[in-house]
Amino acid sequence: MAKVKKIFTNILRLLALAATVVAIVFMVTSHDSAQVLNLTFTVKYSNTPVFKYFVIAKAIAGGYIVISILLSFKSLSWRLLVILDMVTTVLLTSSISAALAIAQVGKKGNTHAGWLPVCEQVPDFCDQVTIALIAGFAAAIIYFVLLLCSLYVVLSPIFVVTP
């Protein structure tokens, strides 16, 4: 039974890794140009610190996922993995939350602050960012499920009732 749990968690880790790689690729390759009043402006992910944070957080999570898969085949303490899974889950959640907030401002603008929406002028950029955000959100959800599975593996011996 323990082998089945390990295989299941590694499959979840691989799915989370795939989602983080997709999110990174789409975010890093997102760029577009628009011409307004004979002025050309270019948008790319690196113009926004939050999108940089999104990419860096996903890269850290992806690196950890690879390391955790490699270490899961050895007799590593599951408690350490649970702590690191928790940190990774929080990192993924914070990065997707921040990026979603900025994407919402880019899409809808903010009339109170006088910020105009930009997605009408640079739709390719916004489409790629949307795909990156969907993949990032999927990674966060998968990693939350992985965290629950890791907690179950660690805590199940505590709650076993012996007759």
N, C-alpha and C. Protein backbone atom coordinates (compact mmCIF):
# COMPACT_ATOMS: atom_id res chain seq x y z
N MET A 1 0.82 -1.20 0.00
CA MET A 1 0.00 0.00 0.00
C MET A 1 0.86 1.26 0.00
N ALA A 2 1.98 1.21 0.69
CA ALA A 2 2.87 2.38 0.74
C ALA A 2 3.44 2.68 -0.63
N LYS A 3 3.69 1.62 -1.42
CA LYS A 3 4.22 1.82 -2.77
C LYS A 3 3.20 2.51 -3.67
N VAL A 4 1.92 2.16 -3.49
CA VAL A 4 0.86 2.79 -4.28
C VAL A 4 0.78 4.28 -3.94
N LYS A 5 0.89 4.62 -2.67
CA LYS A 5 0.86 6.03 -2.25
C LYS A 5 2.04 6.79 -2.85
N LYS A 6 3.20 6.17 -2.86
CA LYS A 6 4.39 6.82 -3.40
C LYS A 6 4.25 7.04 -4.91
N ILE A 7 3.71 6.04 -5.61
CA ILE A 7 3.49 6.19 -7.05
C ILE A 7 2.47 7.28 -7.33
N PHE A 8 1.38 7.30 -6.55
CA PHE A 8 0.35 8.33 -6.73
C PHE A 8 0.92 9.73 -6.49
N THR A 9 1.69 9.90 -5.43
CA THR A 9 2.26 11.22 -5.15
C THR A 9 3.27 11.62 -6.23
N ASN A 10 4.02 10.67 -6.74
CA ASN A 10 4.96 11.00 -7.82
C ASN A 10 4.23 11.36 -9.12
N ILE A 11 3.10 10.73 -9.38
CA ILE A 11 2.30 11.12 -10.55
C ILE A 11 1.78 12.54 -10.37
N LEU A 12 1.31 12.86 -9.16
CA LEU A 12 0.87 14.22 -8.89
C LEU A 12 2.02 15.21 -9.04
N ARG A 13 3.19 14.83 -8.58
CA ARG A 13 4.36 15.71 -8.74
C ARG A 13 4.69 15.93 -10.21
N LEU A 14 4.60 14.89 -11.01
CA LEU A 14 4.86 15.05 -12.44
C LEU A 14 3.82 15.93 -13.12
N LEU A 15 2.56 15.78 -12.72
CA LEU A 15 1.52 16.66 -13.26
C LEU A 15 1.76 18.12 -12.86
N ALA A 16 2.15 18.33 -11.61
CA ALA A 16 2.45 19.69 -11.15
C ALA A 16 3.66 20.25 -11.89
N LEU A 17 4.65 19.41 -12.13
CA LEU A 17 5.83 19.84 -12.88
C LEU A 17 5.44 20.25 -14.30
N ALA A 18 4.60 19.45 -14.94
CA ALA A 18 4.15 19.78 -16.30
C ALA A 18 3.39 21.10 -16.31
N ALA A 19 2.54 21.31 -15.33
CA ALA A 19 1.77 22.56 -15.27
C ALA A 19 2.69 23.76 -15.02
N THR A 20 3.70 23.60 -14.18
CA THR A 20 4.61 24.72 -13.93
C THR A 20 5.45 25.02 -15.17
N VAL A 21 5.87 23.99 -15.88
CA VAL A 21 6.66 24.22 -17.10
C VAL A 21 5.81 24.94 -18.16
N VAL A 22 4.56 24.52 -18.32
CA VAL A 22 3.67 25.20 -19.27
C VAL A 22 3.48 26.65 -18.86
N ALA A 23 3.26 26.90 -17.57
CA ALA A 23 3.06 28.27 -17.09
C ALA A 23 4.29 29.12 -17.36
N ILE A 24 5.47 28.58 -17.10
CA ILE A 24 6.71 29.33 -17.33
C ILE A 24 6.90 29.63 -18.80
N VAL A 25 6.72 28.63 -19.65
CA VAL A 25 6.94 28.81 -21.09
C VAL A 25 5.99 29.86 -21.65
N PHE A 26 4.72 29.77 -21.31
CA PHE A 26 3.77 30.73 -21.85
C PHE A 26 4.00 32.14 -21.30
N MET A 27 4.38 32.23 -20.04
CA MET A 27 4.61 33.57 -19.48
C MET A 27 5.87 34.19 -20.05
N VAL A 28 6.94 33.42 -20.16
CA VAL A 28 8.21 33.96 -20.65
C VAL A 28 8.11 34.35 -22.13
N THR A 29 7.32 33.64 -22.89
CA THR A 29 7.21 33.95 -24.32
C THR A 29 6.10 34.96 -24.62
N SER A 30 5.46 35.48 -23.60
CA SER A 30 4.37 36.44 -23.84
C SER A 30 4.94 37.83 -24.12
N HIS A 31 4.63 38.33 -25.28
CA HIS A 31 5.00 39.69 -25.67
C HIS A 31 4.12 40.13 -26.83
N ASP A 32 3.95 41.41 -26.94
CA ASP A 32 3.13 41.97 -28.01
C ASP A 32 3.47 43.44 -28.14
N SER A 33 3.12 44.02 -29.27
CA SER A 33 3.35 45.45 -29.51
C SER A 33 2.05 46.09 -29.96
N ALA A 34 1.93 47.36 -29.66
CA ALA A 34 0.77 48.12 -30.10
C ALA A 34 1.22 49.52 -30.47
N GLN A 35 0.49 50.10 -31.40
CA GLN A 35 0.81 51.46 -31.82
C GLN A 35 -0.36 52.36 -31.43
N VAL A 36 -0.05 53.37 -30.63
CA VAL A 36 -1.04 54.33 -30.17
C VAL A 36 -0.50 55.72 -30.44
N LEU A 37 -1.23 56.50 -31.23
CA LEU A 37 -0.83 57.86 -31.58
C LEU A 37 0.59 57.92 -32.14
N ASN A 38 0.88 57.05 -33.10
CA ASN A 38 2.20 56.96 -33.74
C ASN A 38 3.32 56.61 -32.78
N LEU A 39 2.99 56.12 -31.61
CA LEU A 39 3.99 55.62 -30.67
C LEU A 39 3.80 54.12 -30.53
N THR A 40 4.88 53.39 -30.65
CA THR A 40 4.82 51.94 -30.50
C THR A 40 5.29 51.58 -29.10
N PHE A 41 4.48 50.80 -28.42
CA PHE A 41 4.93 50.30 -27.12
C PHE A 41 4.85 48.77 -27.14
N THR A 42 5.80 48.19 -26.46
CA THR A 42 5.92 46.74 -26.40
C THR A 42 5.67 46.28 -24.97
N VAL A 43 4.87 45.25 -24.83
CA VAL A 43 4.64 44.67 -23.51
C VAL A 43 5.22 43.26 -23.49
N LYS A 44 5.80 42.92 -22.37
CA LYS A 44 6.32 41.58 -22.14
C LYS A 44 6.27 41.31 -20.65
N TYR A 45 6.39 40.06 -20.29
CA TYR A 45 6.22 39.68 -18.89
C TYR A 45 7.23 40.37 -17.99
N SER A 46 8.43 40.61 -18.50
CA SER A 46 9.49 41.18 -17.66
C SER A 46 9.27 42.65 -17.35
N ASN A 47 8.26 43.28 -17.95
CA ASN A 47 7.93 44.66 -17.61
C ASN A 47 7.19 44.77 -16.28
N THR A 48 6.66 43.66 -15.81
CA THR A 48 5.87 43.65 -14.59
C THR A 48 6.55 42.80 -13.53
N PRO A 49 6.91 43.38 -12.39
CA PRO A 49 7.58 42.60 -11.34
C PRO A 49 6.76 41.40 -10.86
N VAL A 50 5.44 41.53 -10.86
CA VAL A 50 4.61 40.42 -10.40
C VAL A 50 4.72 39.23 -11.35
N PHE A 51 4.78 39.48 -12.64
CA PHE A 51 4.94 38.38 -13.59
C PHE A 51 6.33 37.77 -13.47
N LYS A 52 7.34 38.57 -13.15
CA LYS A 52 8.67 38.01 -12.88
C LYS A 52 8.61 37.10 -11.66
N TYR A 53 7.94 37.56 -10.62
CA TYR A 53 7.77 36.75 -9.41
C TYR A 53 7.05 35.45 -9.74
N PHE A 54 6.03 35.53 -10.58
CA PHE A 54 5.28 34.35 -11.01
C PHE A 54 6.23 33.33 -11.64
N VAL A 55 7.07 33.79 -12.56
CA VAL A 55 8.00 32.89 -13.25
C VAL A 55 9.03 32.32 -12.28
N ILE A 56 9.57 33.16 -11.42
CA ILE A 56 10.58 32.70 -10.46
C ILE A 56 9.98 31.70 -9.48
N ALA A 57 8.77 31.98 -8.99
CA ALA A 57 8.12 31.05 -8.06
C ALA A 57 7.84 29.71 -8.73
N LYS A 58 7.38 29.76 -9.97
CA LYS A 58 7.14 28.50 -10.69
C LYS A 58 8.44 27.74 -10.93
N ALA A 59 9.52 28.46 -11.23
CA ALA A 59 10.81 27.80 -11.45
C ALA A 59 11.32 27.15 -10.16
N ILE A 60 11.17 27.85 -9.04
CA ILE A 60 11.57 27.27 -7.74
C ILE A 60 10.74 26.03 -7.45
N ALA A 61 9.44 26.13 -7.66
CA ALA A 61 8.56 24.98 -7.42
C ALA A 61 8.92 23.82 -8.35
N GLY A 62 9.18 24.12 -9.61
CA GLY A 62 9.56 23.06 -10.55
C GLY A 62 10.86 22.39 -10.15
N GLY A 63 11.83 23.18 -9.72
CA GLY A 63 13.10 22.61 -9.24
C GLY A 63 12.90 21.73 -8.03
N TYR A 64 12.07 22.20 -7.09
CA TYR A 64 11.78 21.40 -5.91
C TYR A 64 11.06 20.10 -6.28
N ILE A 65 10.15 20.19 -7.24
CA ILE A 65 9.41 18.99 -7.65
C ILE A 65 10.38 17.93 -8.19
N VAL A 66 11.31 18.36 -9.03
CA VAL A 66 12.29 17.41 -9.58
C VAL A 66 13.11 16.79 -8.45
N ILE A 67 13.58 17.62 -7.52
CA ILE A 67 14.38 17.11 -6.40
C ILE A 67 13.56 16.17 -5.53
N SER A 68 12.30 16.53 -5.27
CA SER A 68 11.46 15.69 -4.41
C SER A 68 11.15 14.35 -5.07
N ILE A 69 11.01 14.33 -6.40
CA ILE A 69 10.78 13.06 -7.08
C ILE A 69 12.02 12.18 -6.95
N LEU A 70 13.19 12.77 -7.15
CA LEU A 70 14.43 12.00 -7.04
C LEU A 70 14.64 11.50 -5.61
N LEU A 71 14.32 12.34 -4.62
CA LEU A 71 14.54 11.95 -3.23
C LEU A 71 13.47 11.01 -2.71
N SER A 72 12.31 10.97 -3.36
CA SER A 72 11.25 10.11 -2.86
C SER A 72 11.58 8.63 -3.04
N PHE A 73 12.52 8.35 -3.92
CA PHE A 73 12.90 6.95 -4.11
C PHE A 73 13.87 6.48 -3.03
N LYS A 74 14.41 7.41 -2.27
CA LYS A 74 15.29 7.06 -1.16
C LYS A 74 14.49 7.13 0.12
N SER A 75 15.05 6.65 1.19
CA SER A 75 14.33 6.67 2.46
C SER A 75 14.50 8.03 3.13
N LEU A 76 13.81 9.00 2.59
CA LEU A 76 13.85 10.36 3.13
C LEU A 76 12.68 10.52 4.09
N SER A 77 12.89 11.30 5.10
CA SER A 77 11.83 11.55 6.06
C SER A 77 10.65 12.24 5.39
N TRP A 78 9.47 11.64 5.51
CA TRP A 78 8.27 12.21 4.91
C TRP A 78 7.89 13.53 5.57
N ARG A 79 8.32 13.70 6.82
CA ARG A 79 8.00 14.96 7.51
C ARG A 79 8.68 16.13 6.82
N LEU A 80 9.91 15.95 6.39
CA LEU A 80 10.61 17.01 5.67
C LEU A 80 9.89 17.32 4.35
N LEU A 81 9.46 16.28 3.65
CA LEU A 81 8.73 16.49 2.40
C LEU A 81 7.41 17.23 2.63
N VAL A 82 6.74 16.94 3.73
CA VAL A 82 5.48 17.62 4.02
C VAL A 82 5.73 19.10 4.27
N ILE A 83 6.76 19.43 5.00
CA ILE A 83 7.10 20.83 5.27
C ILE A 83 7.44 21.54 3.97
N LEU A 84 8.26 20.92 3.14
CA LEU A 84 8.64 21.54 1.87
C LEU A 84 7.46 21.60 0.90
N ASP A 85 6.58 20.61 0.95
CA ASP A 85 5.35 20.66 0.13
C ASP A 85 4.47 21.84 0.57
N MET A 86 4.41 22.08 1.87
CA MET A 86 3.62 23.20 2.37
C MET A 86 4.21 24.53 1.89
N VAL A 87 5.52 24.68 1.98
CA VAL A 87 6.18 25.90 1.52
C VAL A 87 5.95 26.10 0.03
N THR A 88 6.07 25.04 -0.74
CA THR A 88 5.87 25.12 -2.19
C THR A 88 4.42 25.48 -2.52
N THR A 89 3.48 24.90 -1.81
CA THR A 89 2.07 25.21 -2.03
C THR A 89 1.79 26.68 -1.75
N VAL A 90 2.34 27.20 -0.68
CA VAL A 90 2.14 28.62 -0.34
C VAL A 90 2.81 29.51 -1.39
N LEU A 91 3.99 29.13 -1.84
CA LEU A 91 4.69 29.90 -2.87
C LEU A 91 3.88 29.93 -4.17
N LEU A 92 3.37 28.79 -4.60
CA LEU A 92 2.56 28.74 -5.81
C LEU A 92 1.27 29.54 -5.66
N THR A 93 0.65 29.45 -4.51
CA THR A 93 -0.59 30.17 -4.28
C THR A 93 -0.37 31.68 -4.27
N SER A 94 0.70 32.12 -3.62
CA SER A 94 0.95 33.57 -3.58
C SER A 94 1.29 34.11 -4.96
N SER A 95 2.05 33.35 -5.73
CA SER A 95 2.43 33.85 -7.06
C SER A 95 1.23 33.91 -8.00
N ILE A 96 0.35 32.93 -7.94
CA ILE A 96 -0.82 32.95 -8.82
C ILE A 96 -1.79 34.05 -8.38
N SER A 97 -1.90 34.27 -7.09
CA SER A 97 -2.79 35.33 -6.59
C SER A 97 -2.33 36.70 -7.05
N ALA A 98 -1.06 36.96 -6.92
CA ALA A 98 -0.52 38.26 -7.33
C ALA A 98 -0.65 38.45 -8.84
N ALA A 99 -0.32 37.42 -9.60
CA ALA A 99 -0.40 37.52 -11.06
C ALA A 99 -1.85 37.69 -11.53
N LEU A 100 -2.78 37.01 -10.88
CA LEU A 100 -4.19 37.17 -11.24
C LEU A 100 -4.68 38.59 -10.98
N ALA A 101 -4.21 39.20 -9.91
CA ALA A 101 -4.61 40.57 -9.60
C ALA A 101 -4.13 41.53 -10.68
N ILE A 102 -2.88 41.40 -11.10
CA ILE A 102 -2.33 42.28 -12.13
C ILE A 102 -3.01 42.00 -13.48
N ALA A 103 -3.27 40.74 -13.77
CA ALA A 103 -3.94 40.40 -15.03
C ALA A 103 -5.35 40.99 -15.06
N GLN A 104 -6.02 41.00 -13.94
CA GLN A 104 -7.35 41.59 -13.87
C GLN A 104 -7.29 43.09 -14.16
N VAL A 105 -6.29 43.76 -13.63
CA VAL A 105 -6.13 45.20 -13.90
C VAL A 105 -5.81 45.41 -15.39
N GLY A 106 -4.99 44.54 -15.96
CA GLY A 106 -4.68 44.65 -17.38
C GLY A 106 -5.89 44.42 -18.26
N LYS A 107 -6.76 43.54 -17.83
CA LYS A 107 -7.94 43.22 -18.63
C LYS A 107 -9.06 44.23 -18.45
N LYS A 108 -9.34 44.61 -17.22
CA LYS A 108 -10.49 45.48 -16.93
C LYS A 108 -10.09 46.93 -16.65
N GLY A 109 -8.81 47.17 -16.29
CA GLY A 109 -8.41 48.51 -15.89
C GLY A 109 -8.88 48.81 -14.48
N ASN A 110 -8.68 50.04 -14.06
CA ASN A 110 -9.15 50.48 -12.75
C ASN A 110 -9.57 51.93 -12.89
N THR A 111 -10.86 52.16 -12.96
CA THR A 111 -11.37 53.51 -13.19
C THR A 111 -11.06 54.44 -12.03
N HIS A 112 -10.98 53.92 -10.82
CA HIS A 112 -10.69 54.76 -9.66
C HIS A 112 -9.26 55.29 -9.71
N ALA A 113 -8.34 54.48 -10.21
CA ALA A 113 -6.94 54.91 -10.29
C ALA A 113 -6.62 55.53 -11.65
N GLY A 114 -7.55 55.45 -12.59
CA GLY A 114 -7.31 56.01 -13.91
C GLY A 114 -6.50 55.10 -14.82
N TRP A 115 -6.45 53.81 -14.50
CA TRP A 115 -5.70 52.86 -15.32
C TRP A 115 -6.64 52.28 -16.37
N LEU A 116 -6.23 52.36 -17.60
CA LEU A 116 -7.04 51.85 -18.70
C LEU A 116 -6.70 50.38 -18.96
N PRO A 117 -7.67 49.62 -19.44
CA PRO A 117 -7.36 48.23 -19.81
C PRO A 117 -6.43 48.20 -21.02
N VAL A 118 -5.52 47.24 -21.05
CA VAL A 118 -4.55 47.16 -22.15
C VAL A 118 -4.79 45.94 -23.04
N CYS A 119 -5.64 45.04 -22.64
CA CYS A 119 -5.81 43.80 -23.41
C CYS A 119 -6.43 44.03 -24.78
N GLU A 120 -7.14 45.12 -24.95
CA GLU A 120 -7.69 45.40 -26.27
C GLU A 120 -6.59 45.80 -27.26
N GLN A 121 -5.53 46.42 -26.76
CA GLN A 121 -4.42 46.83 -27.63
C GLN A 121 -3.40 45.71 -27.85
N VAL A 122 -3.23 44.83 -26.88
CA VAL A 122 -2.23 43.76 -26.98
C VAL A 122 -2.88 42.40 -26.66
N PRO A 123 -3.76 41.93 -27.53
CA PRO A 123 -4.50 40.70 -27.23
C PRO A 123 -3.62 39.45 -27.19
N ASP A 124 -2.57 39.39 -28.02
CA ASP A 124 -1.71 38.20 -28.01
C ASP A 124 -1.01 38.05 -26.65
N PHE A 125 -0.55 39.16 -26.12
CA PHE A 125 0.09 39.15 -24.80
C PHE A 125 -0.90 38.65 -23.75
N CYS A 126 -2.08 39.20 -23.75
CA CYS A 126 -3.08 38.82 -22.75
C CYS A 126 -3.51 37.36 -22.89
N ASP A 127 -3.60 36.88 -24.12
CA ASP A 127 -3.96 35.47 -24.32
C ASP A 127 -2.90 34.54 -23.76
N GLN A 128 -1.63 34.86 -24.00
CA GLN A 128 -0.55 34.01 -23.48
C GLN A 128 -0.48 34.08 -21.96
N VAL A 129 -0.69 35.26 -21.41
CA VAL A 129 -0.70 35.40 -19.95
C VAL A 129 -1.86 34.61 -19.36
N THR A 130 -3.00 34.62 -20.03
CA THR A 130 -4.16 33.85 -19.55
C THR A 130 -3.85 32.36 -19.52
N ILE A 131 -3.21 31.85 -20.56
CA ILE A 131 -2.84 30.43 -20.58
C ILE A 131 -1.85 30.13 -19.47
N ALA A 132 -0.88 31.01 -19.26
CA ALA A 132 0.09 30.83 -18.18
C ALA A 132 -0.59 30.82 -16.82
N LEU A 133 -1.56 31.70 -16.64
CA LEU A 133 -2.27 31.76 -15.37
C LEU A 133 -3.13 30.52 -15.14
N ILE A 134 -3.74 30.02 -16.19
CA ILE A 134 -4.53 28.79 -16.05
C ILE A 134 -3.62 27.63 -15.67
N ALA A 135 -2.48 27.51 -16.33
CA ALA A 135 -1.54 26.44 -15.99
C ALA A 135 -0.99 26.63 -14.58
N GLY A 136 -0.71 27.87 -14.20
CA GLY A 136 -0.23 28.13 -12.85
C GLY A 136 -1.27 27.80 -11.79
N PHE A 137 -2.52 28.11 -12.09
CA PHE A 137 -3.61 27.77 -11.17
C PHE A 137 -3.76 26.26 -11.06
N ALA A 138 -3.63 25.56 -12.18
CA ALA A 138 -3.69 24.09 -12.16
C ALA A 138 -2.56 23.53 -11.32
N ALA A 139 -1.37 24.09 -11.46
CA ALA A 139 -0.23 23.63 -10.65
C ALA A 139 -0.49 23.84 -9.17
N ALA A 140 -1.07 24.98 -8.81
CA ALA A 140 -1.36 25.25 -7.41
C ALA A 140 -2.40 24.27 -6.86
N ILE A 141 -3.41 23.96 -7.65
CA ILE A 141 -4.44 23.01 -7.21
C ILE A 141 -3.84 21.61 -7.07
N ILE A 142 -3.06 21.19 -8.06
CA ILE A 142 -2.44 19.86 -7.99
C ILE A 142 -1.53 19.78 -6.78
N TYR A 143 -0.80 20.85 -6.53
CA TYR A 143 0.12 20.82 -5.40
C TYR A 143 -0.63 20.85 -4.07
N PHE A 144 -1.79 21.48 -4.02
CA PHE A 144 -2.61 21.43 -2.81
C PHE A 144 -3.08 20.00 -2.55
N VAL A 145 -3.52 19.32 -3.60
CA VAL A 145 -3.92 17.91 -3.47
C VAL A 145 -2.73 17.07 -3.04
N LEU A 146 -1.57 17.36 -3.61
CA LEU A 146 -0.35 16.64 -3.21
C LEU A 146 -0.03 16.87 -1.75
N LEU A 147 -0.20 18.10 -1.28
CA LEU A 147 0.02 18.40 0.13
C LEU A 147 -0.93 17.60 1.01
N LEU A 148 -2.19 17.52 0.61
CA LEU A 148 -3.16 16.73 1.38
C LEU A 148 -2.76 15.26 1.42
N CYS A 149 -2.26 14.75 0.29
CA CYS A 149 -1.82 13.35 0.25
C CYS A 149 -0.60 13.15 1.15
N SER A 150 0.33 14.08 1.12
CA SER A 150 1.51 13.98 1.97
C SER A 150 1.13 14.04 3.44
N LEU A 151 0.19 14.92 3.77
CA LEU A 151 -0.28 14.99 5.15
C LEU A 151 -0.95 13.69 5.57
N TYR A 152 -1.70 13.10 4.67
CA TYR A 152 -2.36 11.83 4.97
C TYR A 152 -1.33 10.74 5.25
N VAL A 153 -0.28 10.69 4.44
CA VAL A 153 0.75 9.66 4.63
C VAL A 153 1.43 9.84 5.98
N VAL A 154 1.71 11.08 6.36
CA VAL A 154 2.41 11.33 7.61
C VAL A 154 1.49 11.16 8.82
N LEU A 155 0.25 11.63 8.70
CA LEU A 155 -0.64 11.63 9.85
C LEU A 155 -1.46 10.35 10.02
N SER A 156 -1.57 9.52 9.01
CA SER A 156 -2.42 8.32 9.12
C SER A 156 -1.97 7.38 10.23
N PRO A 157 -0.67 7.19 10.48
CA PRO A 157 -0.31 6.31 11.59
C PRO A 157 -0.74 6.87 12.96
N ILE A 158 -0.90 8.18 13.06
CA ILE A 158 -1.28 8.78 14.33
C ILE A 158 -2.74 8.47 14.66
N PHE A 159 -3.59 8.45 13.64
CA PHE A 159 -5.02 8.29 13.87
C PHE A 159 -5.51 6.85 13.74
N VAL A 160 -4.60 5.91 13.57
CA VAL A 160 -5.00 4.50 13.49
C VAL A 160 -5.42 4.02 14.87
N VAL A 161 -6.60 3.44 14.93
CA VAL A 161 -7.12 2.90 16.19
C VAL A 161 -6.77 1.42 16.25
N THR A 162 -6.04 1.06 17.25
CA THR A 162 -5.68 -0.36 17.42
C THR A 162 -6.65 -1.00 18.40
N PRO A 163 -7.22 -2.13 18.01
CA PRO A 163 -8.21 -2.79 18.90
C PRO A 163 -7.56 -3.48 20.07
